[in-house]
Amino acid sequence: MENSKTEHWNNPRPAQEDNKKLAAGLLAILLGPFGIHKFLLGYTTEGIIWLVISLCTCGSVTAILGIIEGIIYLTKSDEEFYQTYQVNKKGWF
């Protein structure tokens, strides 16, 4: 019987349970002006800035940026997304 520590000895993180790529990408595309995808990824400061920009521009700028950011999220590989936005905490594009 294998120990749970040896099952994942070479895997630096649990399988896919931490990856928020799909949720963040869809939220960015569908609800871009509200910045919910920023809050989902744990970027509170960036989320608040996103909301302020949205209020100042009536959501037009952040809607376009949300679509762009959502496409960027969804086109990255799962591992690349995880490393870039969840481990390294890259807040903007």
PDB file of N, CA and C in Angstrom:
ATOM      1  N   MET A   1       0.839  -1.183   0.000  1.00  0.00           N
ATOM      2  CA  MET A   1       0.000   0.000   0.000  1.00  0.00           C
ATOM      3  C   MET A   1       0.887   1.251   0.000  1.00  0.00           C
ATOM      4  N   GLU A   2       0.630   2.126  -0.959  1.00  0.00           N
ATOM      5  CA  GLU A   2       1.464   3.316  -1.087  1.00  0.00           C
ATOM      6  C   GLU A   2       1.007   4.410  -0.140  1.00  0.00           C
ATOM      7  N   ASN A   3       1.954   5.145   0.298  1.00  0.00           N
ATOM      8  CA  ASN A   3       1.686   6.289   1.151  1.00  0.00           C
ATOM      9  C   ASN A   3       1.239   7.460   0.274  1.00  0.00           C
ATOM     10  N   SER A   4       0.340   8.305   0.762  1.00  0.00           N
ATOM     11  CA  SER A   4      -0.146   9.424  -0.045  1.00  0.00           C
ATOM     12  C   SER A   4       0.964  10.418  -0.368  1.00  0.00           C
ATOM     13  N   LYS A   5       2.004  10.449   0.458  1.00  0.00           N
ATOM     14  CA  LYS A   5       3.125  11.344   0.178  1.00  0.00           C
ATOM     15  C   LYS A   5       3.918  10.872  -1.037  1.00  0.00           C
ATOM     16  N   THR A   6       4.006   9.571  -1.242  1.00  0.00           N
ATOM     17  CA  THR A   6       4.771   9.073  -2.379  1.00  0.00           C
ATOM     18  C   THR A   6       3.978   9.087  -3.671  1.00  0.00           C
ATOM     19  N   GLU A   7       2.675   9.187  -3.603  1.00  0.00           N
ATOM     20  CA  GLU A   7       1.866   9.229  -4.819  1.00  0.00           C
ATOM     21  C   GLU A   7       2.111  10.506  -5.610  1.00  0.00           C
ATOM     22  N   HIS A   8       2.400  11.582  -4.912  1.00  0.00           N
ATOM     23  CA  HIS A   8       2.575  12.879  -5.570  1.00  0.00           C
ATOM     24  C   HIS A   8       3.974  13.440  -5.313  1.00  0.00           C
ATOM     25  N   TRP A   9       4.959  12.582  -5.202  1.00  0.00           N
ATOM     26  CA  TRP A   9       6.296  13.030  -4.842  1.00  0.00           C
ATOM     27  C   TRP A   9       6.890  13.992  -5.870  1.00  0.00           C
ATOM     28  N   ASN A  10       6.494  13.874  -7.144  1.00  0.00           N
ATOM     29  CA  ASN A  10       7.057  14.751  -8.164  1.00  0.00           C
ATOM     30  C   ASN A  10       6.063  15.779  -8.685  1.00  0.00           C
ATOM     31  N   ASN A  11       4.910  15.866  -8.082  1.00  0.00           N
ATOM     32  CA  ASN A  11       3.888  16.821  -8.504  1.00  0.00           C
ATOM     33  C   ASN A  11       3.872  17.976  -7.508  1.00  0.00           C
ATOM     34  N   PRO A  12       4.261  19.196  -7.934  1.00  0.00           N
ATOM     35  CA  PRO A  12       4.386  20.311  -6.999  1.00  0.00           C
ATOM     36  C   PRO A  12       3.058  20.836  -6.470  1.00  0.00           C
ATOM     37  N   ARG A  13       1.955  20.466  -7.068  1.00  0.00           N
ATOM     38  CA  ARG A  13       0.641  20.930  -6.626  1.00  0.00           C
ATOM     39  C   ARG A  13      -0.379  19.825  -6.874  1.00  0.00           C
ATOM     40  N   PRO A  14      -1.503  19.872  -6.208  1.00  0.00           N
ATOM     41  CA  PRO A  14      -2.548  18.885  -6.483  1.00  0.00           C
ATOM     42  C   PRO A  14      -3.041  18.997  -7.917  1.00  0.00           C
ATOM     43  N   ALA A  15      -3.482  17.920  -8.465  1.00  0.00           N
ATOM     44  CA  ALA A  15      -3.847  17.768  -9.878  1.00  0.00           C
ATOM     45  C   ALA A  15      -4.472  19.003 -10.506  1.00  0.00           C
ATOM     46  N   GLN A  16      -5.768  19.139 -10.508  1.00  0.00           N
ATOM     47  CA  GLN A  16      -6.415  20.261 -11.171  1.00  0.00           C
ATOM     48  C   GLN A  16      -7.331  21.028 -10.222  1.00  0.00           C
ATOM     49  N   GLU A  17      -7.318  20.680  -8.966  1.00  0.00           N
ATOM     50  CA  GLU A  17      -8.279  21.302  -8.074  1.00  0.00           C
ATOM     51  C   GLU A  17      -8.013  22.776  -7.819  1.00  0.00           C
ATOM     52  N   ASP A  18      -6.773  23.250  -7.996  1.00  0.00           N
ATOM     53  CA  ASP A  18      -6.462  24.653  -7.770  1.00  0.00           C
ATOM     54  C   ASP A  18      -6.642  25.511  -9.012  1.00  0.00           C
ATOM     55  N   ASN A  19      -6.734  24.912 -10.173  1.00  0.00           N
ATOM     56  CA  ASN A  19      -6.731  25.671 -11.413  1.00  0.00           C
ATOM     57  C   ASN A  19      -8.081  26.334 -11.656  1.00  0.00           C
ATOM     58  N   LYS A  20      -8.047  27.652 -11.777  1.00  0.00           N
ATOM     59  CA  LYS A  20      -9.262  28.440 -11.966  1.00  0.00           C
ATOM     60  C   LYS A  20      -9.340  29.016 -13.371  1.00  0.00           C
ATOM     61  N   LYS A  21      -8.639  28.409 -14.307  1.00  0.00           N
ATOM     62  CA  LYS A  21      -8.529  28.941 -15.663  1.00  0.00           C
ATOM     63  C   LYS A  21      -9.881  29.112 -16.344  1.00  0.00           C
ATOM     64  N   LEU A  22     -10.676  28.079 -16.395  1.00  0.00           N
ATOM     65  CA  LEU A  22     -11.956  28.132 -17.102  1.00  0.00           C
ATOM     66  C   LEU A  22     -12.904  29.145 -16.461  1.00  0.00           C
ATOM     67  N   ALA A  23     -13.004  29.104 -15.147  1.00  0.00           N
ATOM     68  CA  ALA A  23     -13.895  30.039 -14.455  1.00  0.00           C
ATOM     69  C   ALA A  23     -13.449  31.484 -14.665  1.00  0.00           C
ATOM     70  N   ALA A  24     -12.153  31.749 -14.521  1.00  0.00           N
ATOM     71  CA  ALA A  24     -11.647  33.113 -14.691  1.00  0.00           C
ATOM     72  C   ALA A  24     -11.822  33.587 -16.131  1.00  0.00           C
ATOM     73  N   GLY A  25     -11.560  32.722 -17.086  1.00  0.00           N
ATOM     74  CA  GLY A  25     -11.712  33.093 -18.494  1.00  0.00           C
ATOM     75  C   GLY A  25     -13.142  33.419 -18.852  1.00  0.00           C
ATOM     76  N   LEU A  26     -14.075  32.582 -18.417  1.00  0.00           N
ATOM     77  CA  LEU A  26     -15.486  32.835 -18.721  1.00  0.00           C
ATOM     78  C   LEU A  26     -16.016  34.071 -18.005  1.00  0.00           C
ATOM     79  N   LEU A  27     -15.618  34.261 -16.748  1.00  0.00           N
ATOM     80  CA  LEU A  27     -16.045  35.458 -16.026  1.00  0.00           C
ATOM     81  C   LEU A  27     -15.490  36.720 -16.673  1.00  0.00           C
ATOM     82  N   ALA A  28     -14.253  36.664 -17.139  1.00  0.00           N
ATOM     83  CA  ALA A  28     -13.657  37.831 -17.797  1.00  0.00           C
ATOM     84  C   ALA A  28     -14.402  38.183 -19.077  1.00  0.00           C
ATOM     85  N   ILE A  29     -14.783  37.165 -19.845  1.00  0.00           N
ATOM     86  CA  ILE A  29     -15.491  37.414 -21.106  1.00  0.00           C
ATOM     87  C   ILE A  29     -16.928  37.863 -20.857  1.00  0.00           C
ATOM     88  N   LEU A  30     -17.624  37.179 -19.970  1.00  0.00           N
ATOM     89  CA  LEU A  30     -19.047  37.456 -19.779  1.00  0.00           C
ATOM     90  C   LEU A  30     -19.333  38.632 -18.843  1.00  0.00           C
ATOM     91  N   LEU A  31     -18.532  38.794 -17.815  1.00  0.00           N
ATOM     92  CA  LEU A  31     -18.781  39.845 -16.822  1.00  0.00           C
ATOM     93  C   LEU A  31     -17.563  40.755 -16.664  1.00  0.00           C
ATOM     94  N   GLY A  32     -16.866  40.995 -17.764  1.00  0.00           N
ATOM     95  CA  GLY A  32     -15.648  41.798 -17.759  1.00  0.00           C
ATOM     96  C   GLY A  32     -15.743  43.137 -17.057  1.00  0.00           C
ATOM     97  N   PRO A  33     -16.789  43.921 -17.288  1.00  0.00           N
ATOM     98  CA  PRO A  33     -16.851  45.243 -16.658  1.00  0.00           C
ATOM     99  C   PRO A  33     -16.875  45.222 -15.134  1.00  0.00           C
ATOM    100  N   PHE A  34     -17.259  44.120 -14.543  1.00  0.00           N
ATOM    101  CA  PHE A  34     -17.355  44.044 -13.087  1.00  0.00           C
ATOM    102  C   PHE A  34     -16.072  43.551 -12.423  1.00  0.00           C
ATOM    103  N   GLY A  35     -15.138  43.011 -13.186  1.00  0.00           N
ATOM    104  CA  GLY A  35     -13.858  42.574 -12.648  1.00  0.00           C
ATOM    105  C   GLY A  35     -13.925  41.369 -11.730  1.00  0.00           C
ATOM    106  N   ILE A  36     -14.974  40.590 -11.837  1.00  0.00           N
ATOM    107  CA  ILE A  36     -15.145  39.444 -10.943  1.00  0.00           C
ATOM    108  C   ILE A  36     -14.001  38.441 -11.114  1.00  0.00           C
ATOM    109  N   HIS A  37     -13.477  38.326 -12.325  1.00  0.00           N
ATOM    110  CA  HIS A  37     -12.371  37.394 -12.558  1.00  0.00           C
ATOM    111  C   HIS A  37     -11.137  37.781 -11.756  1.00  0.00           C
ATOM    112  N   LYS A  38     -10.930  39.064 -11.515  1.00  0.00           N
ATOM    113  CA  LYS A  38      -9.800  39.515 -10.695  1.00  0.00           C
ATOM    114  C   LYS A  38      -9.981  39.060  -9.248  1.00  0.00           C
ATOM    115  N   PHE A  39     -11.192  39.232  -8.730  1.00  0.00           N
ATOM    116  CA  PHE A  39     -11.466  38.817  -7.360  1.00  0.00           C
ATOM    117  C   PHE A  39     -11.365  37.300  -7.215  1.00  0.00           C
ATOM    118  N   LEU A  40     -11.807  36.555  -8.226  1.00  0.00           N
ATOM    119  CA  LEU A  40     -11.726  35.096  -8.198  1.00  0.00           C
ATOM    120  C   LEU A  40     -10.277  34.624  -8.069  1.00  0.00           C
ATOM    121  N   LEU A  41      -9.376  35.307  -8.754  1.00  0.00           N
ATOM    122  CA  LEU A  41      -7.969  34.931  -8.711  1.00  0.00           C
ATOM    123  C   LEU A  41      -7.240  35.479  -7.484  1.00  0.00           C
ATOM    124  N   GLY A  42      -7.937  36.254  -6.666  1.00  0.00           N
ATOM    125  CA  GLY A  42      -7.337  36.778  -5.444  1.00  0.00           C
ATOM    126  C   GLY A  42      -6.664  38.120  -5.600  1.00  0.00           C
ATOM    127  N   TYR A  43      -6.936  38.813  -6.688  1.00  0.00           N
ATOM    128  CA  TYR A  43      -6.351  40.132  -6.937  1.00  0.00           C
ATOM    129  C   TYR A  43      -7.333  41.215  -6.498  1.00  0.00           C
ATOM    130  N   THR A  44      -7.426  41.443  -5.214  1.00  0.00           N
ATOM    131  CA  THR A  44      -8.401  42.403  -4.688  1.00  0.00           C
ATOM    132  C   THR A  44      -8.090  43.825  -5.142  1.00  0.00           C
ATOM    133  N   THR A  45      -6.841  44.241  -5.050  1.00  0.00           N
ATOM    134  CA  THR A  45      -6.469  45.599  -5.441  1.00  0.00           C
ATOM    135  C   THR A  45      -6.762  45.829  -6.919  1.00  0.00           C
ATOM    136  N   GLU A  46      -6.364  44.875  -7.764  1.00  0.00           N
ATOM    137  CA  GLU A  46      -6.611  44.997  -9.196  1.00  0.00           C
ATOM    138  C   GLU A  46      -8.110  44.993  -9.491  1.00  0.00           C
ATOM    139  N   GLY A  47      -8.861  44.224  -8.737  1.00  0.00           N
ATOM    140  CA  GLY A  47     -10.318  44.184  -8.911  1.00  0.00           C
ATOM    141  C   GLY A  47     -10.966  45.516  -8.595  1.00  0.00           C
ATOM    142  N   ILE A  48     -10.511  46.157  -7.538  1.00  0.00           N
ATOM    143  CA  ILE A  48     -11.058  47.467  -7.170  1.00  0.00           C
ATOM    144  C   ILE A  48     -10.680  48.511  -8.221  1.00  0.00           C
ATOM    145  N   ILE A  49      -9.433  48.477  -8.686  1.00  0.00           N
ATOM    146  CA  ILE A  49      -9.010  49.396  -9.754  1.00  0.00           C
ATOM    147  C   ILE A  49      -9.862  49.166 -11.000  1.00  0.00           C
ATOM    148  N   TRP A  50     -10.108  47.892 -11.326  1.00  0.00           N
ATOM    149  CA  TRP A  50     -10.925  47.519 -12.486  1.00  0.00           C
ATOM    150  C   TRP A  50     -12.330  48.124 -12.343  1.00  0.00           C
ATOM    151  N   LEU A  51     -12.905  48.026 -11.153  1.00  0.00           N
ATOM    152  CA  LEU A  51     -14.244  48.586 -10.918  1.00  0.00           C
ATOM    153  C   LEU A  51     -14.259  50.108 -11.048  1.00  0.00           C
ATOM    154  N   VAL A  52     -13.244  50.768 -10.539  1.00  0.00           N
ATOM    155  CA  VAL A  52     -13.169  52.235 -10.634  1.00  0.00           C
ATOM    156  C   VAL A  52     -13.062  52.662 -12.098  1.00  0.00           C
ATOM    157  N   ILE A  53     -12.209  51.986 -12.857  1.00  0.00           N
ATOM    158  CA  ILE A  53     -12.090  52.292 -14.294  1.00  0.00           C
ATOM    159  C   ILE A  53     -13.431  52.048 -14.981  1.00  0.00           C
ATOM    160  N   SER A  54     -14.094  50.977 -14.602  1.00  0.00           N
ATOM    161  CA  SER A  54     -15.391  50.654 -15.189  1.00  0.00           C
ATOM    162  C   SER A  54     -16.418  51.746 -14.901  1.00  0.00           C
ATOM    163  N   LEU A  55     -16.429  52.241 -13.682  1.00  0.00           N
ATOM    164  CA  LEU A  55     -17.370  53.315 -13.326  1.00  0.00           C
ATOM    165  C   LEU A  55     -17.053  54.606 -14.081  1.00  0.00           C
ATOM    166  N   CYS A  56     -15.771  54.908 -14.250  1.00  0.00           N
ATOM    167  CA  CYS A  56     -15.369  56.140 -14.937  1.00  0.00           C
ATOM    168  C   CYS A  56     -15.629  56.091 -16.439  1.00  0.00           C
ATOM    169  N   THR A  57     -15.625  54.900 -17.018  1.00  0.00           N
ATOM    170  CA  THR A  57     -15.796  54.779 -18.467  1.00  0.00           C
ATOM    171  C   THR A  57     -17.128  54.117 -18.838  1.00  0.00           C
ATOM    172  N   CYS A  58     -18.017  53.987 -17.887  1.00  0.00           N
ATOM    173  CA  CYS A  58     -19.319  53.327 -18.080  1.00  0.00           C
ATOM    174  C   CYS A  58     -19.162  51.888 -18.585  1.00  0.00           C
ATOM    175  N   GLY A  59     -18.064  51.259 -18.237  1.00  0.00           N
ATOM    176  CA  GLY A  59     -17.854  49.853 -18.567  1.00  0.00           C
ATOM    177  C   GLY A  59     -17.345  49.568 -19.963  1.00  0.00           C
ATOM    178  N   SER A  60     -17.218  50.586 -20.799  1.00  0.00           N
ATOM    179  CA  SER A  60     -16.827  50.316 -22.188  1.00  0.00           C
ATOM    180  C   SER A  60     -15.385  49.810 -22.291  1.00  0.00           C
ATOM    181  N   VAL A  61     -14.467  50.424 -21.576  1.00  0.00           N
ATOM    182  CA  VAL A  61     -13.058  50.018 -21.642  1.00  0.00           C
ATOM    183  C   VAL A  61     -12.866  48.655 -21.000  1.00  0.00           C
ATOM    184  N   THR A  62     -13.440  48.454 -19.827  1.00  0.00           N
ATOM    185  CA  THR A  62     -13.234  47.190 -19.122  1.00  0.00           C
ATOM    186  C   THR A  62     -13.967  46.029 -19.794  1.00  0.00           C
ATOM    187  N   ALA A  63     -15.011  46.308 -20.533  1.00  0.00           N
ATOM    188  CA  ALA A  63     -15.684  45.233 -21.278  1.00  0.00           C
ATOM    189  C   ALA A  63     -14.758  44.692 -22.358  1.00  0.00           C
ATOM    190  N   ILE A  64     -14.118  45.588 -23.080  1.00  0.00           N
ATOM    191  CA  ILE A  64     -13.184  45.174 -24.132  1.00  0.00           C
ATOM    192  C   ILE A  64     -11.967  44.480 -23.520  1.00  0.00           C
ATOM    193  N   LEU A  65     -11.427  45.067 -22.449  1.00  0.00           N
ATOM    194  CA  LEU A  65     -10.276  44.462 -21.789  1.00  0.00           C
ATOM    195  C   LEU A  65     -10.629  43.101 -21.180  1.00  0.00           C
ATOM    196  N   GLY A  66     -11.845  42.957 -20.688  1.00  0.00           N
ATOM    197  CA  GLY A  66     -12.289  41.681 -20.135  1.00  0.00           C
ATOM    198  C   GLY A  66     -12.325  40.588 -21.187  1.00  0.00           C
ATOM    199  N   ILE A  67     -12.805  40.925 -22.369  1.00  0.00           N
ATOM    200  CA  ILE A  67     -12.828  39.945 -23.467  1.00  0.00           C
ATOM    201  C   ILE A  67     -11.403  39.546 -23.841  1.00  0.00           C
ATOM    202  N   ILE A  68     -10.527  40.531 -23.951  1.00  0.00           N
ATOM    203  CA  ILE A  68      -9.135  40.245 -24.296  1.00  0.00           C
ATOM    204  C   ILE A  68      -8.485  39.382 -23.214  1.00  0.00           C
ATOM    205  N   GLU A  69      -8.678  39.763 -21.965  1.00  0.00           N
ATOM    206  CA  GLU A  69      -8.065  39.018 -20.871  1.00  0.00           C
ATOM    207  C   GLU A  69      -8.642  37.602 -20.770  1.00  0.00           C
ATOM    208  N   GLY A  70      -9.930  37.455 -21.002  1.00  0.00           N
ATOM    209  CA  GLY A  70     -10.545  36.130 -20.982  1.00  0.00           C
ATOM    210  C   GLY A  70      -9.978  35.228 -22.060  1.00  0.00           C
ATOM    211  N   ILE A  71      -9.772  35.777 -23.248  1.00  0.00           N
ATOM    212  CA  ILE A  71      -9.186  34.987 -24.342  1.00  0.00           C
ATOM    213  C   ILE A  71      -7.748  34.593 -23.994  1.00  0.00           C
ATOM    214  N   ILE A  72      -7.001  35.518 -23.408  1.00  0.00           N
ATOM    215  CA  ILE A  72      -5.627  35.202 -22.991  1.00  0.00           C
ATOM    216  C   ILE A  72      -5.635  34.064 -21.972  1.00  0.00           C
ATOM    217  N   TYR A  73      -6.529  34.139 -20.987  1.00  0.00           N
ATOM    218  CA  TYR A  73      -6.620  33.080 -19.971  1.00  0.00           C
ATOM    219  C   TYR A  73      -6.913  31.733 -20.619  1.00  0.00           C
ATOM    220  N   LEU A  74      -7.890  31.711 -21.505  1.00  0.00           N
ATOM    221  CA  LEU A  74      -8.346  30.440 -22.072  1.00  0.00           C
ATOM    222  C   LEU A  74      -7.379  29.842 -23.088  1.00  0.00           C
ATOM    223  N   THR A  75      -6.509  30.653 -23.668  1.00  0.00           N
ATOM    224  CA  THR A  75      -5.569  30.111 -24.652  1.00  0.00           C
ATOM    225  C   THR A  75      -4.276  29.607 -24.019  1.00  0.00           C
ATOM    226  N   LYS A  76      -4.043  29.903 -22.766  1.00  0.00           N
ATOM    227  CA  LYS A  76      -2.865  29.380 -22.076  1.00  0.00           C
ATOM    228  C   LYS A  76      -3.100  27.929 -21.686  1.00  0.00           C
ATOM    229  N   SER A  77      -2.022  27.165 -21.594  1.00  0.00           N
ATOM    230  CA  SER A  77      -2.156  25.798 -21.096  1.00  0.00           C
ATOM    231  C   SER A  77      -2.509  25.865 -19.610  1.00  0.00           C
ATOM    232  N   ASP A  78      -3.054  24.785 -19.094  1.00  0.00           N
ATOM    233  CA  ASP A  78      -3.441  24.759 -17.682  1.00  0.00           C
ATOM    234  C   ASP A  78      -2.255  25.064 -16.779  1.00  0.00           C
ATOM    235  N   GLU A  79      -1.123  24.446 -17.056  1.00  0.00           N
ATOM    236  CA  GLU A  79       0.064  24.649 -16.223  1.00  0.00           C
ATOM    237  C   GLU A  79       0.595  26.068 -16.346  1.00  0.00           C
ATOM    238  N   GLU A  80       0.607  26.605 -17.567  1.00  0.00           N
ATOM    239  CA  GLU A  80       1.081  27.976 -17.777  1.00  0.00           C
ATOM    240  C   GLU A  80       0.182  28.978 -17.061  1.00  0.00           C
ATOM    241  N   PHE A  81      -1.130  28.774 -17.135  1.00  0.00           N
ATOM    242  CA  PHE A  81      -2.073  29.654 -16.431  1.00  0.00           C
ATOM    243  C   PHE A  81      -1.836  29.583 -14.930  1.00  0.00           C
ATOM    244  N   TYR A  82      -1.731  28.365 -14.423  1.00  0.00           N
ATOM    245  CA  TYR A  82      -1.533  28.176 -12.986  1.00  0.00           C
ATOM    246  C   TYR A  82      -0.263  28.873 -12.512  1.00  0.00           C
ATOM    247  N   GLN A  83       0.831  28.667 -13.216  1.00  0.00           N
ATOM    248  CA  GLN A  83       2.106  29.269 -12.826  1.00  0.00           C
ATOM    249  C   GLN A  83       2.080  30.794 -12.943  1.00  0.00           C
ATOM    250  N   THR A  84       1.484  31.298 -14.001  1.00  0.00           N
ATOM    251  CA  THR A  84       1.487  32.746 -14.244  1.00  0.00           C
ATOM    252  C   THR A  84       0.561  33.502 -13.302  1.00  0.00           C
ATOM    253  N   TYR A  85      -0.681  33.058 -13.185  1.00  0.00           N
ATOM    254  CA  TYR A  85      -1.687  33.850 -12.478  1.00  0.00           C
ATOM    255  C   TYR A  85      -1.986  33.395 -11.060  1.00  0.00           C
ATOM    256  N   GLN A  86      -1.648  32.160 -10.710  1.00  0.00           N
ATOM    257  CA  GLN A  86      -1.952  31.699  -9.372  1.00  0.00           C
ATOM    258  C   GLN A  86      -0.703  31.545  -8.506  1.00  0.00           C
ATOM    259  N   VAL A  87       0.414  31.158  -9.098  1.00  0.00           N
ATOM    260  CA  VAL A  87       1.641  31.020  -8.324  1.00  0.00           C
ATOM    261  C   VAL A  87       2.405  32.343  -8.312  1.00  0.00           C
ATOM    262  N   ASN A  88       2.663  32.898  -9.499  1.00  0.00           N
ATOM    263  CA  ASN A  88       3.450  34.134  -9.608  1.00  0.00           C
ATOM    264  C   ASN A  88       2.623  35.393  -9.403  1.00  0.00           C
ATOM    265  N   LYS A  89       1.305  35.267  -9.382  1.00  0.00           N
ATOM    266  CA  LYS A  89       0.382  36.374  -9.118  1.00  0.00           C
ATOM    267  C   LYS A  89       0.588  37.565 -10.061  1.00  0.00           C
ATOM    268  N   LYS A  90       0.597  37.297 -11.362  1.00  0.00           N
ATOM    269  CA  LYS A  90       0.676  38.356 -12.357  1.00  0.00           C
ATOM    270  C   LYS A  90      -0.715  38.948 -12.496  1.00  0.00           C
ATOM    271  N   GLY A  91      -0.923  40.161 -12.015  1.00  0.00           N
ATOM    272  CA  GLY A  91      -2.240  40.757 -11.937  1.00  0.00           C
ATOM    273  C   GLY A  91      -2.804  41.318 -13.230  1.00  0.00           C
ATOM    274  N   TRP A  92      -1.952  41.733 -14.129  1.00  0.00           N
ATOM    275  CA  TRP A  92      -2.421  42.365 -15.368  1.00  0.00           C
ATOM    276  C   TRP A  92      -1.854  41.636 -16.566  1.00  0.00           C
ATOM    277  N   PHE A  93      -2.677  41.338 -17.502  1.00  0.00           N
ATOM    278  CA  PHE A  93      -2.335  40.655 -18.747  1.00  0.00           C
ATOM    279  C   PHE A  93      -1.111  39.822 -18.581  1.00  0.00           C
TER     280      PHE A  93
END
